[in-house]
């Protein structure tokens, strides 16, 4: 006597989530090295990711001190600032599929007391 069974096996992929979310960076002085807002996803997204700054899409032509670095097939996404200008400060977000991560780039200059 033999027993047989048929069925369907569904393989679910790795869920997309942030392994490392975007950080909040607070500068207290002008940086001497490039500054990076970087995050990492659990897998490559099915669609291209979207970057926003203060709720608006990043312009296609970025200022010369700003670059979006995304290696093809990589799970790491970053925005690099070779130098920081006032207009670079703000809230940055990366959206991919149905998830997003928000990071901030802020400058807090410590006031100097003059006597």
N, C-alpha and C. Protein backbone atom coordinates (compact mmCIF):
# COMPACT_ATOMS: atom_id res chain seq x y z
N UNK A 1 0.86 -1.17 0.00
CA UNK A 1 0.00 0.00 0.00
C UNK A 1 0.90 1.23 0.00
N UNK A 2 0.61 2.16 -0.90
CA UNK A 2 1.41 3.37 -0.95
C UNK A 2 0.53 4.58 -0.67
N UNK A 3 1.13 5.56 -0.04
CA UNK A 3 0.41 6.79 0.29
C UNK A 3 1.08 7.92 -0.50
N UNK A 4 0.27 8.71 -1.15
CA UNK A 4 0.85 9.85 -1.87
C UNK A 4 0.09 11.11 -1.48
N UNK A 5 0.79 12.21 -1.62
CA UNK A 5 0.19 13.49 -1.28
C UNK A 5 0.70 14.52 -2.27
N UNK A 6 -0.14 15.43 -2.63
CA UNK A 6 0.29 16.54 -3.49
C UNK A 6 0.00 17.83 -2.78
N UNK A 7 0.78 18.83 -3.07
CA UNK A 7 0.58 20.14 -2.44
C UNK A 7 1.42 21.18 -3.14
N UNK A 8 1.26 22.37 -2.68
CA UNK A 8 2.01 23.48 -3.24
C UNK A 8 2.88 24.07 -2.14
N UNK A 9 4.12 24.26 -2.45
CA UNK A 9 5.04 24.87 -1.50
C UNK A 9 5.29 26.30 -1.97
N UNK A 10 4.96 27.23 -1.10
CA UNK A 10 5.19 28.63 -1.46
C UNK A 10 6.40 29.13 -0.70
N UNK A 11 7.36 29.64 -1.45
CA UNK A 11 8.55 30.19 -0.83
C UNK A 11 8.36 31.69 -0.70
N UNK A 12 8.47 32.16 0.49
CA UNK A 12 8.36 33.60 0.70
C UNK A 12 9.77 34.17 0.78
N UNK A 13 9.93 35.29 0.15
CA UNK A 13 11.25 35.90 0.14
C UNK A 13 11.58 36.55 1.47
N UNK A 14 12.76 37.04 1.58
CA UNK A 14 13.19 37.76 2.78
C UNK A 14 12.37 39.05 2.84
N UNK A 15 11.76 39.37 3.97
CA UNK A 15 11.00 40.61 4.05
C UNK A 15 11.94 41.82 3.94
N UNK A 16 11.46 42.85 3.30
CA UNK A 16 12.27 44.07 3.17
C UNK A 16 12.14 44.88 4.44
N UNK A 17 13.26 45.12 5.08
CA UNK A 17 13.27 45.96 6.28
C UNK A 17 14.63 46.62 6.39
N UNK A 18 14.71 47.61 7.25
CA UNK A 18 15.98 48.30 7.45
C UNK A 18 16.81 47.56 8.50
N UNK A 19 17.97 47.09 8.07
CA UNK A 19 18.93 46.46 8.98
C UNK A 19 19.60 47.58 9.78
N UNK A 20 19.91 48.66 9.08
CA UNK A 20 20.47 49.87 9.70
C UNK A 20 19.66 51.06 9.17
N UNK A 21 18.89 51.74 10.01
CA UNK A 21 18.15 52.91 9.52
C UNK A 21 19.07 54.12 9.33
N UNK A 22 18.54 55.14 8.67
CA UNK A 22 19.30 56.38 8.51
C UNK A 22 19.54 57.00 9.88
N UNK A 23 20.72 57.54 10.12
CA UNK A 23 21.02 58.13 11.43
C UNK A 23 20.58 59.59 11.52
N UNK A 24 20.63 60.11 12.72
CA UNK A 24 20.46 61.55 12.94
C UNK A 24 21.85 62.07 13.27
N UNK A 25 22.36 62.93 12.42
CA UNK A 25 23.72 63.46 12.61
C UNK A 25 23.61 64.91 13.05
N UNK A 26 24.24 65.20 14.17
CA UNK A 26 24.27 66.57 14.68
C UNK A 26 25.72 67.03 14.69
N UNK A 27 26.01 68.01 13.86
CA UNK A 27 27.37 68.55 13.78
C UNK A 27 27.48 69.75 14.71
N UNK A 28 28.60 69.83 15.41
CA UNK A 28 28.82 70.98 16.29
C UNK A 28 29.89 71.91 15.72
N UNK A 29 30.54 71.46 14.66
CA UNK A 29 31.51 72.30 13.96
C UNK A 29 31.59 71.83 12.51
N UNK A 30 32.19 72.64 11.68
CA UNK A 30 32.31 72.28 10.26
C UNK A 30 33.15 71.01 10.15
N UNK A 31 32.63 69.99 9.46
CA UNK A 31 33.38 68.73 9.37
C UNK A 31 34.61 68.87 8.48
N UNK A 32 35.64 68.10 8.83
CA UNK A 32 36.87 68.10 8.03
C UNK A 32 36.89 66.91 7.07
N UNK A 33 35.98 65.97 7.26
CA UNK A 33 35.87 64.80 6.39
C UNK A 33 34.45 64.73 5.83
N UNK A 34 34.25 63.98 4.75
CA UNK A 34 32.89 63.85 4.21
C UNK A 34 31.92 63.28 5.25
N UNK A 35 30.68 63.72 5.18
CA UNK A 35 29.63 63.26 6.08
C UNK A 35 28.70 62.37 5.26
N UNK A 36 28.28 61.23 5.85
CA UNK A 36 27.40 60.32 5.12
C UNK A 36 26.17 59.96 5.92
N UNK A 37 25.03 60.04 5.26
CA UNK A 37 23.79 59.48 5.79
C UNK A 37 23.65 58.13 5.09
N UNK A 38 23.72 57.06 5.85
CA UNK A 38 23.77 55.73 5.25
C UNK A 38 22.79 54.80 5.95
N UNK A 39 22.13 53.95 5.14
CA UNK A 39 21.26 52.93 5.71
C UNK A 39 21.47 51.63 4.93
N UNK A 40 20.98 50.54 5.53
CA UNK A 40 21.13 49.24 4.88
C UNK A 40 19.81 48.49 4.95
N UNK A 41 19.43 47.90 3.82
CA UNK A 41 18.21 47.10 3.73
C UNK A 41 18.54 45.62 3.89
N UNK A 42 17.53 44.84 4.24
CA UNK A 42 17.71 43.40 4.44
C UNK A 42 17.93 42.66 3.12
N UNK A 43 17.48 43.24 2.03
CA UNK A 43 17.67 42.64 0.70
C UNK A 43 17.59 43.75 -0.34
N UNK A 44 17.91 43.39 -1.58
CA UNK A 44 17.77 44.36 -2.66
C UNK A 44 16.29 44.61 -2.90
N UNK A 45 15.88 45.87 -3.01
CA UNK A 45 14.48 46.13 -3.27
C UNK A 45 14.09 45.77 -4.71
N UNK A 46 12.82 45.46 -4.91
CA UNK A 46 12.35 45.11 -6.25
C UNK A 46 12.28 46.34 -7.15
N UNK A 47 12.04 47.50 -6.53
CA UNK A 47 11.95 48.76 -7.28
C UNK A 47 13.11 49.65 -6.85
N UNK A 48 13.34 50.70 -7.63
CA UNK A 48 14.39 51.63 -7.24
C UNK A 48 13.94 52.43 -6.01
N UNK A 49 14.90 52.80 -5.20
CA UNK A 49 14.59 53.54 -3.99
C UNK A 49 14.40 55.02 -4.33
N UNK A 50 13.70 55.72 -3.45
CA UNK A 50 13.45 57.15 -3.65
C UNK A 50 13.98 57.91 -2.44
N UNK A 51 14.78 58.92 -2.71
CA UNK A 51 15.29 59.80 -1.66
C UNK A 51 14.47 61.08 -1.63
N UNK A 52 14.19 61.58 -0.42
CA UNK A 52 13.54 62.87 -0.29
C UNK A 52 14.31 63.71 0.74
N UNK A 53 14.15 65.01 0.61
CA UNK A 53 14.72 65.94 1.59
C UNK A 53 13.59 66.85 2.02
N UNK A 54 13.31 66.89 3.32
CA UNK A 54 12.22 67.69 3.86
C UNK A 54 10.90 67.41 3.14
N UNK A 55 10.68 66.12 2.82
CA UNK A 55 9.43 65.70 2.21
C UNK A 55 9.33 65.87 0.70
N UNK A 56 10.36 66.39 0.07
CA UNK A 56 10.35 66.60 -1.38
C UNK A 56 11.41 65.73 -2.05
N UNK A 57 11.11 65.22 -3.26
CA UNK A 57 12.12 64.40 -3.95
C UNK A 57 13.42 65.18 -4.16
N UNK A 58 14.54 64.48 -4.06
CA UNK A 58 15.82 65.14 -4.33
C UNK A 58 15.86 65.57 -5.79
N UNK A 59 16.44 66.72 -6.09
CA UNK A 59 16.52 67.14 -7.50
C UNK A 59 17.42 66.20 -8.30
N UNK A 60 17.15 66.09 -9.58
CA UNK A 60 17.98 65.20 -10.42
C UNK A 60 19.40 65.74 -10.53
N UNK A 61 19.54 67.06 -10.47
CA UNK A 61 20.89 67.67 -10.47
C UNK A 61 21.20 68.11 -9.05
N UNK A 62 22.06 67.34 -8.40
CA UNK A 62 22.42 67.65 -7.02
C UNK A 62 23.55 68.67 -6.99
N UNK A 63 23.66 69.44 -5.90
CA UNK A 63 24.80 70.35 -5.76
C UNK A 63 26.10 69.55 -5.84
N UNK A 64 27.19 70.21 -6.22
CA UNK A 64 28.46 69.51 -6.44
C UNK A 64 29.01 68.86 -5.17
N UNK A 65 28.60 69.31 -3.99
CA UNK A 65 29.11 68.73 -2.74
C UNK A 65 28.28 67.54 -2.26
N UNK A 66 27.21 67.17 -2.99
CA UNK A 66 26.30 66.11 -2.58
C UNK A 66 26.28 65.01 -3.63
N UNK A 67 26.37 63.74 -3.19
CA UNK A 67 26.25 62.64 -4.13
C UNK A 67 25.45 61.50 -3.50
N UNK A 68 24.61 60.87 -4.32
CA UNK A 68 23.86 59.69 -3.89
C UNK A 68 24.66 58.49 -4.37
N UNK A 69 25.02 57.63 -3.43
CA UNK A 69 25.88 56.49 -3.75
C UNK A 69 25.09 55.20 -3.54
N UNK A 70 24.76 54.54 -4.65
CA UNK A 70 24.05 53.27 -4.58
C UNK A 70 24.70 52.31 -5.56
N UNK A 71 25.43 51.37 -5.01
CA UNK A 71 26.07 50.37 -5.87
C UNK A 71 25.00 49.44 -6.42
N UNK A 72 25.12 49.11 -7.67
CA UNK A 72 24.14 48.23 -8.29
C UNK A 72 24.11 46.88 -7.57
N UNK A 73 22.93 46.47 -7.16
CA UNK A 73 22.79 45.20 -6.47
C UNK A 73 23.13 45.23 -4.99
N UNK A 74 23.49 46.40 -4.48
CA UNK A 74 23.87 46.51 -3.06
C UNK A 74 22.64 46.78 -2.20
N UNK A 75 22.74 46.47 -0.93
CA UNK A 75 21.66 46.76 0.01
C UNK A 75 21.95 48.03 0.81
N UNK A 76 23.14 48.63 0.59
CA UNK A 76 23.54 49.84 1.29
C UNK A 76 23.25 51.06 0.40
N UNK A 77 22.61 52.05 1.00
CA UNK A 77 22.26 53.28 0.27
C UNK A 77 22.76 54.46 1.10
N UNK A 78 23.36 55.43 0.42
CA UNK A 78 23.90 56.57 1.17
C UNK A 78 23.87 57.85 0.36
N UNK A 79 23.84 58.95 1.11
CA UNK A 79 24.05 60.28 0.54
C UNK A 79 25.33 60.79 1.19
N UNK A 80 26.27 61.22 0.37
CA UNK A 80 27.55 61.71 0.88
C UNK A 80 27.65 63.21 0.64
N UNK A 81 28.15 63.92 1.63
CA UNK A 81 28.36 65.37 1.55
C UNK A 81 29.85 65.61 1.68
N UNK A 82 30.49 66.11 0.62
CA UNK A 82 31.93 66.38 0.70
C UNK A 82 32.20 67.59 1.58
N UNK A 83 31.24 68.49 1.66
CA UNK A 83 31.27 69.63 2.58
C UNK A 83 29.82 69.94 2.92
N UNK A 84 29.61 70.64 4.01
CA UNK A 84 28.24 70.93 4.47
C UNK A 84 27.96 72.42 4.32
N UNK A 85 26.85 72.71 3.67
CA UNK A 85 26.36 74.09 3.54
C UNK A 85 25.02 74.18 4.26
N UNK A 86 24.63 75.37 4.61
CA UNK A 86 23.36 75.60 5.32
C UNK A 86 22.18 74.90 4.62
N UNK A 87 22.14 74.97 3.29
CA UNK A 87 21.02 74.38 2.55
C UNK A 87 21.03 72.85 2.54
N UNK A 88 22.13 72.22 3.00
CA UNK A 88 22.20 70.76 3.07
C UNK A 88 21.51 70.21 4.32
N UNK A 89 21.33 71.06 5.32
CA UNK A 89 20.74 70.61 6.58
C UNK A 89 19.26 70.30 6.39
N UNK A 90 18.77 69.31 7.11
CA UNK A 90 17.35 68.98 7.02
C UNK A 90 17.10 67.51 7.27
N UNK A 91 15.88 67.10 6.90
CA UNK A 91 15.44 65.73 7.11
C UNK A 91 15.49 64.98 5.79
N UNK A 92 16.20 63.87 5.78
CA UNK A 92 16.34 63.04 4.58
C UNK A 92 15.63 61.71 4.81
N UNK A 93 14.98 61.21 3.79
CA UNK A 93 14.29 59.92 3.91
C UNK A 93 14.58 59.07 2.69
N UNK A 94 14.66 57.77 2.93
CA UNK A 94 14.79 56.80 1.85
C UNK A 94 13.55 55.94 1.88
N UNK A 95 12.86 55.87 0.75
CA UNK A 95 11.66 55.05 0.65
C UNK A 95 11.91 53.92 -0.34
N UNK A 96 11.51 52.72 0.06
CA UNK A 96 11.67 51.56 -0.79
C UNK A 96 10.48 50.65 -0.59
N UNK A 97 9.80 50.34 -1.68
CA UNK A 97 8.58 49.56 -1.62
C UNK A 97 7.65 50.21 -0.60
N UNK A 98 7.28 49.53 0.48
CA UNK A 98 6.32 50.13 1.42
C UNK A 98 6.95 50.62 2.72
N UNK A 99 8.28 50.68 2.78
CA UNK A 99 8.93 51.10 4.02
C UNK A 99 9.79 52.35 3.78
N UNK A 100 10.05 53.07 4.85
CA UNK A 100 10.94 54.23 4.73
C UNK A 100 11.71 54.42 6.02
N UNK A 101 12.83 55.12 5.89
CA UNK A 101 13.66 55.47 7.04
C UNK A 101 13.97 56.95 6.94
N UNK A 102 13.94 57.63 8.08
CA UNK A 102 14.18 59.08 8.10
C UNK A 102 15.42 59.36 8.94
N UNK A 103 16.30 60.18 8.38
CA UNK A 103 17.48 60.62 9.11
C UNK A 103 17.56 62.14 9.04
N UNK A 104 18.38 62.71 9.89
CA UNK A 104 18.50 64.17 9.91
C UNK A 104 19.96 64.58 9.87
N UNK A 105 20.17 65.72 9.25
CA UNK A 105 21.49 66.34 9.23
C UNK A 105 21.30 67.73 9.82
N UNK A 106 21.88 67.94 11.01
CA UNK A 106 21.69 69.20 11.72
C UNK A 106 23.03 69.78 12.13
N UNK A 107 23.01 71.09 12.34
CA UNK A 107 24.21 71.78 12.81
C UNK A 107 23.82 72.52 14.08
N UNK A 108 24.55 72.23 15.15
CA UNK A 108 24.34 72.95 16.40
C UNK A 108 25.67 73.55 16.80
N UNK A 109 25.78 74.83 16.57
CA UNK A 109 27.03 75.50 16.91
C UNK A 109 26.94 75.93 18.37
N UNK A 110 27.95 75.56 19.12
CA UNK A 110 27.98 75.92 20.52
C UNK A 110 28.29 77.41 20.61
N UNK A 111 27.43 78.17 21.30
CA UNK A 111 27.68 79.62 21.38
C UNK A 111 28.95 79.91 22.19
N UNK A 112 29.66 80.92 21.75
CA UNK A 112 30.87 81.32 22.50
C UNK A 112 30.52 82.57 23.31
N UNK A 113 30.95 82.57 24.53
CA UNK A 113 30.67 83.68 25.42
C UNK A 113 31.85 84.64 25.38
N UNK A 114 31.56 85.87 25.00
CA UNK A 114 32.62 86.87 24.95
C UNK A 114 32.48 87.78 26.15
N UNK A 115 33.58 87.94 26.88
CA UNK A 115 33.56 88.82 28.04
C UNK A 115 34.28 90.11 27.78
